[in-house]
């Protein structure tokens, strides 16, 4: 059983909405933590980018091993996460787009019999490739909602600090490092 066309469509495009959420934000809104205990927008994007590498590794293991077991991904225990966070937001988005293209090809070219292969997640249990893909999309969607809320919270906090100032989006006649 292959992935259905709607799942592939979501997989190919869902991540592209992140740019819309952050387009008009100044760097301090992207790089600073609004809550010291929670990731910033930039760190969340780094997390999503790094998680694509994790998902590629998991798919490779699922297709090459019998029922591999995966712990919950925790960025604080991943030595490569700090390196990923050190990149600019623009370079992270470019990397995310590139990796997603690779992942789409991987899923589209996967032999039909591999879609029945399973792996076990520490919390979610045993899942086939199509379920792992849905989990990936739901997890990514949850992180995107956090970015959406953080962007809105930044503007709300700015209005509270300066209620007499009207905030307008930045001019768009600059070279957009986030453009694809």
C-alpha atoms as a PDB file:
ATOM      1  CA  UNK A   1       0.000   0.000   0.000  1.00  0.00           C
ATOM      2  CA  UNK A   2       1.512   3.329  -1.077  1.00  0.00           C
ATOM      3  CA  UNK A   3       0.770   6.734   0.394  1.00  0.00           C
ATOM      4  CA  UNK A   4      -2.415   8.331  -0.828  1.00  0.00           C
ATOM      5  CA  UNK A   5      -2.172  11.422  -3.016  1.00  0.00           C
ATOM      6  CA  UNK A   6      -3.417  13.765  -0.271  1.00  0.00           C
ATOM      7  CA  UNK A   7      -0.705  12.659   2.114  1.00  0.00           C
ATOM      8  CA  UNK A   8       1.950  13.119  -0.570  1.00  0.00           C
ATOM      9  CA  UNK A   9       0.552  16.581  -1.352  1.00  0.00           C
ATOM     10  CA  UNK A  10       0.701  17.577   2.315  1.00  0.00           C
ATOM     11  CA  UNK A  11       4.157  16.096   2.590  1.00  0.00           C
ATOM     12  CA  UNK A  12       5.371  18.069  -0.421  1.00  0.00           C
ATOM     13  CA  UNK A  13       3.937  21.408   0.706  1.00  0.00           C
ATOM     14  CA  UNK A  14       3.027  21.643   4.373  1.00  0.00           C
ATOM     15  CA  UNK A  15       6.421  22.978   5.457  1.00  0.00           C
ATOM     16  CA  UNK A  16       6.244  25.876   2.978  1.00  0.00           C
ATOM     17  CA  UNK A  17       3.780  27.790   5.157  1.00  0.00           C
ATOM     18  CA  UNK A  18       6.454  28.525   7.772  1.00  0.00           C
ATOM     19  CA  UNK A  19       7.843  31.324   5.625  1.00  0.00           C
ATOM     20  CA  UNK A  20       4.419  33.003   5.626  1.00  0.00           C
ATOM     21  CA  UNK A  21       4.329  32.965   9.424  1.00  0.00           C
ATOM     22  CA  UNK A  22       7.673  34.718   9.835  1.00  0.00           C
ATOM     23  CA  UNK A  23       7.937  36.975   6.760  1.00  0.00           C
ATOM     24  CA  UNK A  24       7.155  40.240   8.516  1.00  0.00           C
ATOM     25  CA  UNK A  25       8.958  39.503  11.771  1.00  0.00           C
ATOM     26  CA  UNK A  26      12.114  41.347  12.815  1.00  0.00           C
ATOM     27  CA  UNK A  27      15.144  39.261  13.830  1.00  0.00           C
ATOM     28  CA  UNK A  28      14.475  39.748  17.548  1.00  0.00           C
ATOM     29  CA  UNK A  29      11.111  38.028  17.146  1.00  0.00           C
ATOM     30  CA  UNK A  30      12.699  35.067  15.373  1.00  0.00           C
ATOM     31  CA  UNK A  31      15.845  34.559  17.442  1.00  0.00           C
ATOM     32  CA  UNK A  32      14.769  35.542  20.969  1.00  0.00           C
ATOM     33  CA  UNK A  33      12.870  33.251  23.265  1.00  0.00           C
ATOM     34  CA  UNK A  34       9.603  34.812  24.401  1.00  0.00           C
ATOM     35  CA  UNK A  35       9.490  32.216  27.174  1.00  0.00           C
ATOM     36  CA  UNK A  36      12.906  31.219  28.530  1.00  0.00           C
ATOM     37  CA  UNK A  37      11.764  27.595  28.905  1.00  0.00           C
ATOM     38  CA  UNK A  38      10.481  27.239  25.332  1.00  0.00           C
ATOM     39  CA  UNK A  39      12.200  27.290  21.945  1.00  0.00           C
ATOM     40  CA  UNK A  40      12.351  30.490  19.920  1.00  0.00           C
ATOM     41  CA  UNK A  41      10.942  30.526  16.407  1.00  0.00           C
ATOM     42  CA  UNK A  42      14.461  29.986  15.058  1.00  0.00           C
ATOM     43  CA  UNK A  43      15.076  27.042  17.389  1.00  0.00           C
ATOM     44  CA  UNK A  44      11.744  25.507  16.375  1.00  0.00           C
ATOM     45  CA  UNK A  45      12.696  25.813  12.706  1.00  0.00           C
ATOM     46  CA  UNK A  46      16.084  24.247  13.533  1.00  0.00           C
ATOM     47  CA  UNK A  47      14.245  21.436  15.311  1.00  0.00           C
ATOM     48  CA  UNK A  48      12.007  20.825  12.282  1.00  0.00           C
ATOM     49  CA  UNK A  49      15.019  20.879   9.959  1.00  0.00           C
ATOM     50  CA  UNK A  50      16.986  18.466  12.124  1.00  0.00           C
ATOM     51  CA  UNK A  51      13.955  16.209  12.473  1.00  0.00           C
ATOM     52  CA  UNK A  52      13.921  15.712   8.709  1.00  0.00           C
ATOM     53  CA  UNK A  53      17.403  14.168   8.977  1.00  0.00           C
ATOM     54  CA  UNK A  54      16.066  11.943  11.758  1.00  0.00           C
ATOM     55  CA  UNK A  55      13.099  10.903   9.609  1.00  0.00           C
ATOM     56  CA  UNK A  56      15.371  10.038   6.671  1.00  0.00           C
ATOM     57  CA  UNK A  57      17.451   7.838   8.987  1.00  0.00           C
ATOM     58  CA  UNK A  58      14.307   6.211  10.373  1.00  0.00           C
ATOM     59  CA  UNK A  59      12.918   5.472   6.910  1.00  0.00           C
ATOM     60  CA  UNK A  60      16.244   3.932   5.895  1.00  0.00           C
ATOM     61  CA  UNK A  61      16.245   1.739   8.989  1.00  0.00           C
ATOM     62  CA  UNK A  62      12.594   0.752   8.471  1.00  0.00           C
ATOM     63  CA  UNK A  63      13.321  -0.378   4.924  1.00  0.00           C
ATOM     64  CA  UNK A  64      16.538  -2.208   5.864  1.00  0.00           C
ATOM     65  CA  UNK A  65      15.815  -3.738   9.279  1.00  0.00           C
ATOM     66  CA  UNK A  66      13.076  -5.863  10.778  1.00  0.00           C
ATOM     67  CA  UNK A  67      10.878  -3.764  13.070  1.00  0.00           C
ATOM     68  CA  UNK A  68      13.489  -1.291  14.357  1.00  0.00           C
ATOM     69  CA  UNK A  69      12.745   0.476  17.645  1.00  0.00           C
ATOM     70  CA  UNK A  70      12.909   4.288  17.980  1.00  0.00           C
ATOM     71  CA  UNK A  71      13.016   6.368  21.126  1.00  0.00           C
ATOM     72  CA  UNK A  72      11.379   9.792  21.211  1.00  0.00           C
ATOM     73  CA  UNK A  73      13.614  12.328  19.453  1.00  0.00           C
ATOM     74  CA  UNK A  74      14.976  14.776  22.009  1.00  0.00           C
ATOM     75  CA  UNK A  75      17.045  17.643  20.594  1.00  0.00           C
ATOM     76  CA  UNK A  76      18.815  18.213  23.919  1.00  0.00           C
ATOM     77  CA  UNK A  77      20.462  14.786  23.579  1.00  0.00           C
ATOM     78  CA  UNK A  78      21.324  15.231  19.884  1.00  0.00           C
ATOM     79  CA  UNK A  79      24.861  16.602  19.405  1.00  0.00           C
ATOM     80  CA  UNK A  80      23.984  17.738  15.867  1.00  0.00           C
ATOM     81  CA  UNK A  81      21.091  19.893  17.048  1.00  0.00           C
ATOM     82  CA  UNK A  82      23.389  22.655  18.380  1.00  0.00           C
ATOM     83  CA  UNK A  83      25.168  22.749  15.015  1.00  0.00           C
ATOM     84  CA  UNK A  84      21.799  23.011  13.257  1.00  0.00           C
ATOM     85  CA  UNK A  85      20.724  25.860  15.565  1.00  0.00           C
ATOM     86  CA  UNK A  86      23.899  27.782  14.715  1.00  0.00           C
ATOM     87  CA  UNK A  87      22.737  28.231  11.120  1.00  0.00           C
ATOM     88  CA  UNK A  88      20.701  31.227   9.993  1.00  0.00           C
ATOM     89  CA  UNK A  89      16.951  30.902   9.700  1.00  0.00           C
ATOM     90  CA  UNK A  90      17.187  31.393   5.945  1.00  0.00           C
ATOM     91  CA  UNK A  91      19.743  28.620   5.533  1.00  0.00           C
ATOM     92  CA  UNK A  92      17.617  26.329   7.704  1.00  0.00           C
ATOM     93  CA  UNK A  93      14.587  26.902   5.499  1.00  0.00           C
ATOM     94  CA  UNK A  94      16.643  26.221   2.382  1.00  0.00           C
ATOM     95  CA  UNK A  95      17.954  23.021   3.977  1.00  0.00           C
ATOM     96  CA  UNK A  96      14.410  22.033   4.990  1.00  0.00           C
ATOM     97  CA  UNK A  97      13.183  22.516   1.414  1.00  0.00           C
ATOM     98  CA  UNK A  98      16.076  20.474   0.019  1.00  0.00           C
ATOM     99  CA  UNK A  99      15.602  17.675   2.508  1.00  0.00           C
ATOM    100  CA  UNK A 100      11.866  17.605   1.916  1.00  0.00           C
ATOM    101  CA  UNK A 101      12.478  17.219  -1.790  1.00  0.00           C
ATOM    102  CA  UNK A 102      14.761  14.267  -1.023  1.00  0.00           C
ATOM    103  CA  UNK A 103      12.163  12.767   1.297  1.00  0.00           C
ATOM    104  CA  UNK A 104       9.402  13.166  -1.298  1.00  0.00           C
ATOM    105  CA  UNK A 105      11.519  11.317  -3.863  1.00  0.00           C
ATOM    106  CA  UNK A 106      12.321   8.652  -1.317  1.00  0.00           C
ATOM    107  CA  UNK A 107       8.628   8.068  -0.585  1.00  0.00           C
ATOM    108  CA  UNK A 108       7.508   8.290  -4.207  1.00  0.00           C
ATOM    109  CA  UNK A 109      10.175   5.848  -5.409  1.00  0.00           C
ATOM    110  CA  UNK A 110       9.825   3.446  -2.492  1.00  0.00           C
ATOM    111  CA  UNK A 111       8.872  -0.062  -3.669  1.00  0.00           C
ATOM    112  CA  UNK A 112       5.252  -0.889  -2.786  1.00  0.00           C
ATOM    113  CA  UNK A 113       6.254  -3.755  -0.525  1.00  0.00           C
ATOM    114  CA  UNK A 114       8.240  -1.381   1.711  1.00  0.00           C
ATOM    115  CA  UNK A 115       5.098   0.502   2.702  1.00  0.00           C
ATOM    116  CA  UNK A 116       4.029  -2.553   4.699  1.00  0.00           C
ATOM    117  CA  UNK A 117       7.274  -2.540   6.703  1.00  0.00           C
ATOM    118  CA  UNK A 118       6.953  -1.513  10.333  1.00  0.00           C
ATOM    119  CA  UNK A 119       8.927   0.074  13.121  1.00  0.00           C
ATOM    120  CA  UNK A 120       8.087   0.588  16.771  1.00  0.00           C
ATOM    121  CA  UNK A 121       7.989   4.031  18.396  1.00  0.00           C
ATOM    122  CA  UNK A 122       8.578   4.249  22.163  1.00  0.00           C
ATOM    123  CA  UNK A 123       5.206   5.962  22.739  1.00  0.00           C
ATOM    124  CA  UNK A 124       3.113   5.418  19.616  1.00  0.00           C
ATOM    125  CA  UNK A 125       3.869   1.739  19.185  1.00  0.00           C
ATOM    126  CA  UNK A 126       4.164  -0.245  16.001  1.00  0.00           C
ATOM    127  CA  UNK A 127       3.517   1.692  12.795  1.00  0.00           C
ATOM    128  CA  UNK A 128       3.850   1.037   9.060  1.00  0.00           C
ATOM    129  CA  UNK A 129       5.580   3.545   6.744  1.00  0.00           C
ATOM    130  CA  UNK A 130       2.321   5.331   5.886  1.00  0.00           C
ATOM    131  CA  UNK A 131       1.617   5.810   9.606  1.00  0.00           C
ATOM    132  CA  UNK A 132       5.149   7.059  10.214  1.00  0.00           C
ATOM    133  CA  UNK A 133       4.603   9.580   7.424  1.00  0.00           C
ATOM    134  CA  UNK A 134       1.309  10.742   8.960  1.00  0.00           C
ATOM    135  CA  UNK A 135       3.021  11.017  12.340  1.00  0.00           C
ATOM    136  CA  UNK A 136       5.762  13.127  10.758  1.00  0.00           C
ATOM    137  CA  UNK A 137       3.159  15.471   9.226  1.00  0.00           C
ATOM    138  CA  UNK A 138       1.130  15.784  12.424  1.00  0.00           C
ATOM    139  CA  UNK A 139       4.248  16.440  14.462  1.00  0.00           C
ATOM    140  CA  UNK A 140       5.433  19.062  11.983  1.00  0.00           C
ATOM    141  CA  UNK A 141       1.996  20.668  11.977  1.00  0.00           C
ATOM    142  CA  UNK A 142       2.085  20.934  15.759  1.00  0.00           C
ATOM    143  CA  UNK A 143       5.475  22.670  15.607  1.00  0.00           C
ATOM    144  CA  UNK A 144       4.207  25.020  12.894  1.00  0.00           C
ATOM    145  CA  UNK A 145       1.301  25.986  15.126  1.00  0.00           C
ATOM    146  CA  UNK A 146       3.847  26.883  17.838  1.00  0.00           C
ATOM    147  CA  UNK A 147       5.645  29.133  15.327  1.00  0.00           C
ATOM    148  CA  UNK A 148       2.318  30.721  14.350  1.00  0.00           C
ATOM    149  CA  UNK A 149       1.490  31.412  18.016  1.00  0.00           C
ATOM    150  CA  UNK A 150       4.971  32.773  18.768  1.00  0.00           C
ATOM    151  CA  UNK A 151       4.743  35.193  15.837  1.00  0.00           C
ATOM    152  CA  UNK A 152       1.368  36.442  17.061  1.00  0.00           C
ATOM    153  CA  UNK A 153       2.621  36.683  20.643  1.00  0.00           C
ATOM    154  CA  UNK A 154       5.555  38.839  19.551  1.00  0.00           C
ATOM    155  CA  UNK A 155       3.246  41.387  17.942  1.00  0.00           C
ATOM    156  CA  UNK A 156       0.896  41.310  20.947  1.00  0.00           C
ATOM    157  CA  UNK A 157       3.797  42.000  23.297  1.00  0.00           C
ATOM    158  CA  UNK A 158       4.988  44.896  21.128  1.00  0.00           C
ATOM    159  CA  UNK A 159       1.544  46.521  21.185  1.00  0.00           C
ATOM    160  CA  UNK A 160       1.439  46.183  24.964  1.00  0.00           C
ATOM    161  CA  UNK A 161       4.846  47.897  25.240  1.00  0.00           C
ATOM    162  CA  UNK A 162       3.947  50.723  22.833  1.00  0.00           C
ATOM    163  CA  UNK A 163       0.167  51.015  22.407  1.00  0.00           C
ATOM    164  CA  UNK A 164       0.496  54.288  20.448  1.00  0.00           C
ATOM    165  CA  UNK A 165       2.677  52.758  17.698  1.00  0.00           C
ATOM    166  CA  UNK A 166       1.240  51.167  14.581  1.00  0.00           C
ATOM    167  CA  UNK A 167       3.348  48.224  13.482  1.00  0.00           C
ATOM    168  CA  UNK A 168       3.507  47.583   9.753  1.00  0.00           C
ATOM    169  CA  UNK A 169       5.216  44.722   7.941  1.00  0.00           C
ATOM    170  CA  UNK A 170       8.756  45.386   6.778  1.00  0.00           C
ATOM    171  CA  UNK A 171       9.273  46.667   3.265  1.00  0.00           C
ATOM    172  CA  UNK A 172       9.483  43.876   0.746  1.00  0.00           C
ATOM    173  CA  UNK A 173      11.903  45.485  -1.680  1.00  0.00           C
ATOM    174  CA  UNK A 174      14.916  43.842  -0.099  1.00  0.00           C
ATOM    175  CA  UNK A 175      16.541  40.576  -1.132  1.00  0.00           C
ATOM    176  CA  UNK A 176      14.662  37.914   0.730  1.00  0.00           C
ATOM    177  CA  UNK A 177      17.118  35.350   2.079  1.00  0.00           C
ATOM    178  CA  UNK A 178      14.208  33.030   2.826  1.00  0.00           C
ATOM    179  CA  UNK A 179      12.886  32.955  -0.721  1.00  0.00           C
ATOM    180  CA  UNK A 180      12.964  29.625  -2.430  1.00  0.00           C
END
